[in-house]
Amino acid sequence: MTRPAARSLWMIFRWPLLIGVVSIVGLVSALVGDGVWDASSWAALGLPALGFGAWCLRPSMRAREGRR
C-alpha cells in the first residue's frame, strides 16, 4: 500500500479560504448599498454555490481511471 503525498497547509486550505473571502465580500456588499452593490453581492454569493455544484457533478477519479 502506498502512502499519499504530504500536502502543505496552503494546498489544503487555499480553496476554503478563497470561498470564505468571496462569501464575506458578498455579504458585506449586500449590507453596504443598493444597485451595483446588490449585483456584486449576488455574484459573490452565487459563485461558491456554482463552484460547489460543478465540483459535485464532475466525474469521479475512479470513473476516469476505469476508462483507461
PDB file of N, CA and C in Angstrom:
ATOM      1  N   MET A   1       0.853  -1.171   0.000  1.00  0.00           N
ATOM      2  CA  MET A   1       0.000   0.000   0.000  1.00  0.00           C
ATOM      3  C   MET A   1       0.901   1.237   0.000  1.00  0.00           C
ATOM      4  N   THR A   2       0.628   2.150  -0.910  1.00  0.00           N
ATOM      5  CA  THR A   2       1.425   3.374  -0.967  1.00  0.00           C
ATOM      6  C   THR A   2       0.797   4.444  -0.108  1.00  0.00           C
ATOM      7  N   ARG A   3       1.652   5.268   0.407  1.00  0.00           N
ATOM      8  CA  ARG A   3       1.206   6.359   1.278  1.00  0.00           C
ATOM      9  C   ARG A   3       0.977   7.621   0.438  1.00  0.00           C
ATOM     10  N   PRO A   4      -0.119   8.345   0.664  1.00  0.00           N
ATOM     11  CA  PRO A   4      -0.355   9.565  -0.123  1.00  0.00           C
ATOM     12  C   PRO A   4       0.700  10.627   0.177  1.00  0.00           C
ATOM     13  N   ALA A   5       0.956  11.453  -0.803  1.00  0.00           N
ATOM     14  CA  ALA A   5       1.952  12.512  -0.654  1.00  0.00           C
ATOM     15  C   ALA A   5       1.491  13.528   0.385  1.00  0.00           C
ATOM     16  N   ALA A   6       2.439  14.056   1.119  1.00  0.00           N
ATOM     17  CA  ALA A   6       2.127  15.072   2.129  1.00  0.00           C
ATOM     18  C   ALA A   6       1.737  16.374   1.436  1.00  0.00           C
ATOM     19  N   ARG A   7       0.767  17.047   2.015  1.00  0.00           N
ATOM     20  CA  ARG A   7       0.307  18.327   1.461  1.00  0.00           C
ATOM     21  C   ARG A   7       0.604  19.436   2.452  1.00  0.00           C
ATOM     22  N   SER A   8       0.946  20.588   1.920  1.00  0.00           N
ATOM     23  CA  SER A   8       1.199  21.737   2.781  1.00  0.00           C
ATOM     24  C   SER A   8      -0.130  22.344   3.232  1.00  0.00           C
ATOM     25  N   LEU A   9      -0.057  23.196   4.245  1.00  0.00           N
ATOM     26  CA  LEU A   9      -1.270  23.861   4.718  1.00  0.00           C
ATOM     27  C   LEU A   9      -1.907  24.709   3.625  1.00  0.00           C
ATOM     28  N   TRP A  10      -1.089  25.343   2.803  1.00  0.00           N
ATOM     29  CA  TRP A  10      -1.622  26.169   1.728  1.00  0.00           C
ATOM     30  C   TRP A  10      -2.411  25.312   0.740  1.00  0.00           C
ATOM     31  N   MET A  11      -1.904  24.122   0.410  1.00  0.00           N
ATOM     32  CA  MET A  11      -2.609  23.246  -0.524  1.00  0.00           C
ATOM     33  C   MET A  11      -3.939  22.766   0.057  1.00  0.00           C
ATOM     34  N   ILE A  12      -3.997  22.598   1.359  1.00  0.00           N
ATOM     35  CA  ILE A  12      -5.222  22.115   1.996  1.00  0.00           C
ATOM     36  C   ILE A  12      -6.264  23.219   2.115  1.00  0.00           C
ATOM     37  N   PHE A  13      -5.837  24.420   2.502  1.00  0.00           N
ATOM     38  CA  PHE A  13      -6.785  25.480   2.850  1.00  0.00           C
ATOM     39  C   PHE A  13      -6.959  26.568   1.809  1.00  0.00           C
ATOM     40  N   ARG A  14      -6.357  26.457   0.645  1.00  0.00           N
ATOM     41  CA  ARG A  14      -6.472  27.558  -0.322  1.00  0.00           C
ATOM     42  C   ARG A  14      -7.894  27.712  -0.864  1.00  0.00           C
ATOM     43  N   TRP A  15      -8.566  26.625  -1.209  1.00  0.00           N
ATOM     44  CA  TRP A  15      -9.922  26.745  -1.745  1.00  0.00           C
ATOM     45  C   TRP A  15     -10.937  27.143  -0.678  1.00  0.00           C
ATOM     46  N   PRO A  16     -10.915  26.537   0.505  1.00  0.00           N
ATOM     47  CA  PRO A  16     -11.847  27.010   1.537  1.00  0.00           C
ATOM     48  C   PRO A  16     -11.619  28.474   1.909  1.00  0.00           C
ATOM     49  N   LEU A  17     -10.361  28.909   1.921  1.00  0.00           N
ATOM     50  CA  LEU A  17     -10.063  30.309   2.225  1.00  0.00           C
ATOM     51  C   LEU A  17     -10.610  31.232   1.135  1.00  0.00           C
ATOM     52  N   LEU A  18     -10.430  30.859  -0.113  1.00  0.00           N
ATOM     53  CA  LEU A  18     -10.958  31.668  -1.219  1.00  0.00           C
ATOM     54  C   LEU A  18     -12.480  31.732  -1.173  1.00  0.00           C
ATOM     55  N   ILE A  19     -13.131  30.611  -0.912  1.00  0.00           N
ATOM     56  CA  ILE A  19     -14.592  30.591  -0.818  1.00  0.00           C
ATOM     57  C   ILE A  19     -15.063  31.473   0.338  1.00  0.00           C
ATOM     58  N   GLY A  20     -14.358  31.421   1.455  1.00  0.00           N
ATOM     59  CA  GLY A  20     -14.716  32.258   2.596  1.00  0.00           C
ATOM     60  C   GLY A  20     -14.563  33.737   2.306  1.00  0.00           C
ATOM     61  N   VAL A  21     -13.484  34.120   1.644  1.00  0.00           N
ATOM     62  CA  VAL A  21     -13.258  35.533   1.316  1.00  0.00           C
ATOM     63  C   VAL A  21     -14.311  36.030   0.340  1.00  0.00           C
ATOM     64  N   VAL A  22     -14.625  35.234  -0.682  1.00  0.00           N
ATOM     65  CA  VAL A  22     -15.651  35.642  -1.656  1.00  0.00           C
ATOM     66  C   VAL A  22     -17.009  35.765  -0.974  1.00  0.00           C
ATOM     67  N   SER A  23     -17.321  34.857  -0.057  1.00  0.00           N
ATOM     68  CA  SER A  23     -18.596  34.927   0.665  1.00  0.00           C
ATOM     69  C   SER A  23     -18.673  36.153   1.557  1.00  0.00           C
ATOM     70  N   ILE A  24     -17.591  36.480   2.237  1.00  0.00           N
ATOM     71  CA  ILE A  24     -17.567  37.672   3.092  1.00  0.00           C
ATOM     72  C   ILE A  24     -17.732  38.929   2.254  1.00  0.00           C
ATOM     73  N   VAL A  25     -17.066  38.983   1.109  1.00  0.00           N
ATOM     74  CA  VAL A  25     -17.226  40.142   0.215  1.00  0.00           C
ATOM     75  C   VAL A  25     -18.677  40.259  -0.236  1.00  0.00           C
ATOM     76  N   GLY A  26     -19.310  39.142  -0.543  1.00  0.00           N
ATOM     77  CA  GLY A  26     -20.710  39.175  -0.955  1.00  0.00           C
ATOM     78  C   GLY A  26     -21.633  39.634   0.150  1.00  0.00           C
ATOM     79  N   LEU A  27     -21.397  39.162   1.370  1.00  0.00           N
ATOM     80  CA  LEU A  27     -22.243  39.573   2.495  1.00  0.00           C
ATOM     81  C   LEU A  27     -22.065  41.054   2.828  1.00  0.00           C
ATOM     82  N   VAL A  28     -20.836  41.527   2.804  1.00  0.00           N
ATOM     83  CA  VAL A  28     -20.591  42.946   3.100  1.00  0.00           C
ATOM     84  C   VAL A  28     -21.179  43.827   2.006  1.00  0.00           C
ATOM     85  N   SER A  29     -21.021  43.428   0.747  1.00  0.00           N
ATOM     86  CA  SER A  29     -21.583  44.261  -0.327  1.00  0.00           C
ATOM     87  C   SER A  29     -23.109  44.263  -0.291  1.00  0.00           C
ATOM     88  N   ALA A  30     -23.728  43.212   0.213  1.00  0.00           N
ATOM     89  CA  ALA A  30     -25.187  43.208   0.353  1.00  0.00           C
ATOM     90  C   ALA A  30     -25.634  44.168   1.444  1.00  0.00           C
ATOM     91  N   LEU A  31     -24.812  44.356   2.451  1.00  0.00           N
ATOM     92  CA  LEU A  31     -25.169  45.265   3.536  1.00  0.00           C
ATOM     93  C   LEU A  31     -24.856  46.723   3.238  1.00  0.00           C
ATOM     94  N   VAL A  32     -23.920  46.970   2.335  1.00  0.00           N
ATOM     95  CA  VAL A  32     -23.424  48.329   2.115  1.00  0.00           C
ATOM     96  C   VAL A  32     -24.414  49.200   1.355  1.00  0.00           C
ATOM     97  N   GLY A  33     -24.964  48.719   0.266  1.00  0.00           N
ATOM     98  CA  GLY A  33     -25.810  49.614  -0.526  1.00  0.00           C
ATOM     99  C   GLY A  33     -26.691  48.881  -1.508  1.00  0.00           C
ATOM    100  N   ASP A  34     -27.263  49.658  -2.426  1.00  0.00           N
ATOM    101  CA  ASP A  34     -28.176  49.140  -3.436  1.00  0.00           C
ATOM    102  C   ASP A  34     -27.558  49.281  -4.819  1.00  0.00           C
ATOM    103  N   GLY A  35     -28.270  48.786  -5.808  1.00  0.00           N
ATOM    104  CA  GLY A  35     -27.830  48.914  -7.193  1.00  0.00           C
ATOM    105  C   GLY A  35     -26.692  47.973  -7.519  1.00  0.00           C
ATOM    106  N   VAL A  36     -25.533  48.570  -7.790  1.00  0.00           N
ATOM    107  CA  VAL A  36     -24.344  47.781  -8.152  1.00  0.00           C
ATOM    108  C   VAL A  36     -23.929  46.876  -6.999  1.00  0.00           C
ATOM    109  N   TRP A  37     -24.102  47.345  -5.779  1.00  0.00           N
ATOM    110  CA  TRP A  37     -23.743  46.531  -4.605  1.00  0.00           C
ATOM    111  C   TRP A  37     -24.592  45.265  -4.539  1.00  0.00           C
ATOM    112  N   ASP A  38     -25.868  45.384  -4.876  1.00  0.00           N
ATOM    113  CA  ASP A  38     -26.731  44.198  -4.888  1.00  0.00           C
ATOM    114  C   ASP A  38     -26.269  43.192  -5.948  1.00  0.00           C
ATOM    115  N   ALA A  39     -25.929  43.697  -7.126  1.00  0.00           N
ATOM    116  CA  ALA A  39     -25.462  42.811  -8.190  1.00  0.00           C
ATOM    117  C   ALA A  39     -24.159  42.130  -7.803  1.00  0.00           C
ATOM    118  N   SER A  40     -23.256  42.872  -7.181  1.00  0.00           N
ATOM    119  CA  SER A  40     -21.988  42.258  -6.781  1.00  0.00           C
ATOM    120  C   SER A  40     -22.200  41.240  -5.667  1.00  0.00           C
ATOM    121  N   SER A  41     -23.167  41.492  -4.775  1.00  0.00           N
ATOM    122  CA  SER A  41     -23.428  40.521  -3.712  1.00  0.00           C
ATOM    123  C   SER A  41     -24.031  39.242  -4.284  1.00  0.00           C
ATOM    124  N   TRP A  42     -24.922  39.369  -5.263  1.00  0.00           N
ATOM    125  CA  TRP A  42     -25.492  38.183  -5.899  1.00  0.00           C
ATOM    126  C   TRP A  42     -24.401  37.371  -6.581  1.00  0.00           C
ATOM    127  N   ALA A  43     -23.509  38.052  -7.274  1.00  0.00           N
ATOM    128  CA  ALA A  43     -22.424  37.357  -7.973  1.00  0.00           C
ATOM    129  C   ALA A  43     -21.474  36.682  -6.978  1.00  0.00           C
ATOM    130  N   ALA A  44     -21.103  37.426  -5.932  1.00  0.00           N
ATOM    131  CA  ALA A  44     -20.149  36.886  -4.966  1.00  0.00           C
ATOM    132  C   ALA A  44     -20.743  35.739  -4.155  1.00  0.00           C
ATOM    133  N   LEU A  45     -22.021  35.776  -3.873  1.00  0.00           N
ATOM    134  CA  LEU A  45     -22.647  34.693  -3.114  1.00  0.00           C
ATOM    135  C   LEU A  45     -23.057  33.530  -4.021  1.00  0.00           C
ATOM    136  N   GLY A  46     -23.211  33.784  -5.314  1.00  0.00           N
ATOM    137  CA  GLY A  46     -23.557  32.718  -6.240  1.00  0.00           C
ATOM    138  C   GLY A  46     -22.365  31.911  -6.720  1.00  0.00           C
ATOM    139  N   LEU A  47     -21.193  32.541  -6.765  1.00  0.00           N
ATOM    140  CA  LEU A  47     -20.008  31.835  -7.240  1.00  0.00           C
ATOM    141  C   LEU A  47     -19.660  30.598  -6.413  1.00  0.00           C
ATOM    142  N   PRO A  48     -19.636  30.681  -5.085  1.00  0.00           N
ATOM    143  CA  PRO A  48     -19.347  29.455  -4.319  1.00  0.00           C
ATOM    144  C   PRO A  48     -20.386  28.358  -4.544  1.00  0.00           C
ATOM    145  N   ALA A  49     -21.642  28.737  -4.697  1.00  0.00           N
ATOM    146  CA  ALA A  49     -22.684  27.734  -4.938  1.00  0.00           C
ATOM    147  C   ALA A  49     -22.499  27.080  -6.303  1.00  0.00           C
ATOM    148  N   LEU A  50     -22.191  27.863  -7.319  1.00  0.00           N
ATOM    149  CA  LEU A  50     -21.944  27.303  -8.650  1.00  0.00           C
ATOM    150  C   LEU A  50     -20.692  26.431  -8.660  1.00  0.00           C
ATOM    151  N   GLY A  51     -19.653  26.877  -7.978  1.00  0.00           N
ATOM    152  CA  GLY A  51     -18.420  26.089  -7.899  1.00  0.00           C
ATOM    153  C   GLY A  51     -18.633  24.760  -7.208  1.00  0.00           C
ATOM    154  N   PHE A  52     -19.389  24.778  -6.124  1.00  0.00           N
ATOM    155  CA  PHE A  52     -19.667  23.536  -5.409  1.00  0.00           C
ATOM    156  C   PHE A  52     -20.517  22.599  -6.258  1.00  0.00           C
ATOM    157  N   GLY A  53     -21.486  23.141  -6.968  1.00  0.00           N
ATOM    158  CA  GLY A  53     -22.309  22.321  -7.846  1.00  0.00           C
ATOM    159  C   GLY A  53     -21.493  21.693  -8.963  1.00  0.00           C
ATOM    160  N   ALA A  54     -20.591  22.471  -9.552  1.00  0.00           N
ATOM    161  CA  ALA A  54     -19.730  21.933 -10.611  1.00  0.00           C
ATOM    162  C   ALA A  54     -18.800  20.861 -10.058  1.00  0.00           C
ATOM    163  N   TRP A  55     -18.301  21.076  -8.851  1.00  0.00           N
ATOM    164  CA  TRP A  55     -17.406  20.095  -8.235  1.00  0.00           C
ATOM    165  C   TRP A  55     -18.145  18.789  -7.963  1.00  0.00           C
ATOM    166  N   CYS A  56     -19.380  18.883  -7.534  1.00  0.00           N
ATOM    167  CA  CYS A  56     -20.162  17.677  -7.246  1.00  0.00           C
ATOM    168  C   CYS A  56     -20.547  16.930  -8.512  1.00  0.00           C
ATOM    169  N   LEU A  57     -20.705  17.623  -9.625  1.00  0.00           N
ATOM    170  CA  LEU A  57     -21.137  16.986 -10.866  1.00  0.00           C
ATOM    171  C   LEU A  57     -19.987  16.484 -11.727  1.00  0.00           C
ATOM    172  N   ARG A  58     -18.755  16.747 -11.330  1.00  0.00           N
ATOM    173  CA  ARG A  58     -17.624  16.296 -12.121  1.00  0.00           C
ATOM    174  C   ARG A  58     -17.513  14.775 -12.020  1.00  0.00           C
ATOM    175  N   PRO A  59     -16.949  14.156 -13.048  1.00  0.00           N
ATOM    176  CA  PRO A  59     -16.769  12.699 -12.980  1.00  0.00           C
ATOM    177  C   PRO A  59     -15.781  12.345 -11.868  1.00  0.00           C
ATOM    178  N   SER A  60     -16.035  11.265 -11.203  1.00  0.00           N
ATOM    179  CA  SER A  60     -15.141  10.877 -10.108  1.00  0.00           C
ATOM    180  C   SER A  60     -13.824  10.359 -10.657  1.00  0.00           C
ATOM    181  N   MET A  61     -12.808  10.350  -9.810  1.00  0.00           N
ATOM    182  CA  MET A  61     -11.488   9.868 -10.209  1.00  0.00           C
ATOM    183  C   MET A  61     -11.537   8.385 -10.572  1.00  0.00           C
ATOM    184  N   ARG A  62     -12.312   7.619  -9.839  1.00  0.00           N
ATOM    185  CA  ARG A  62     -12.399   6.187 -10.112  1.00  0.00           C
ATOM    186  C   ARG A  62     -13.017   5.933 -11.480  1.00  0.00           C
ATOM    187  N   ALA A  63     -14.014   6.718 -11.857  1.00  0.00           N
ATOM    188  CA  ALA A  63     -14.652   6.539 -13.155  1.00  0.00           C
ATOM    189  C   ALA A  63     -13.669   6.875 -14.281  1.00  0.00           C
ATOM    190  N   ARG A  64     -12.849   7.908 -14.079  1.00  0.00           N
ATOM    191  CA  ARG A  64     -11.861   8.270 -15.109  1.00  0.00           C
ATOM    192  C   ARG A  64     -10.785   7.217 -15.225  1.00  0.00           C
ATOM    193  N   GLU A  65     -10.358   6.642 -14.103  1.00  0.00           N
ATOM    194  CA  GLU A  65      -9.321   5.615 -14.146  1.00  0.00           C
ATOM    195  C   GLU A  65      -9.847   4.340 -14.785  1.00  0.00           C
ATOM    196  N   GLY A  66     -11.123   4.053 -14.615  1.00  0.00           N
ATOM    197  CA  GLY A  66     -11.710   2.847 -15.171  1.00  0.00           C
ATOM    198  C   GLY A  66     -11.835   2.886 -16.681  1.00  0.00           C
ATOM    199  N   ARG A  67     -11.833   4.065 -17.272  1.00  0.00           N
ATOM    200  CA  ARG A  67     -11.985   4.194 -18.731  1.00  0.00           C
ATOM    201  C   ARG A  67     -10.699   3.896 -19.484  1.00  0.00           C
ATOM    202  N   ARG A  68      -9.579   3.884 -18.806  1.00  0.00           N
ATOM    203  CA  ARG A  68      -8.296   3.675 -19.494  1.00  0.00           C
ATOM    204  C   ARG A  68      -8.139   2.297 -19.991  1.00  0.00           C
TER     205      ARG A  68
END
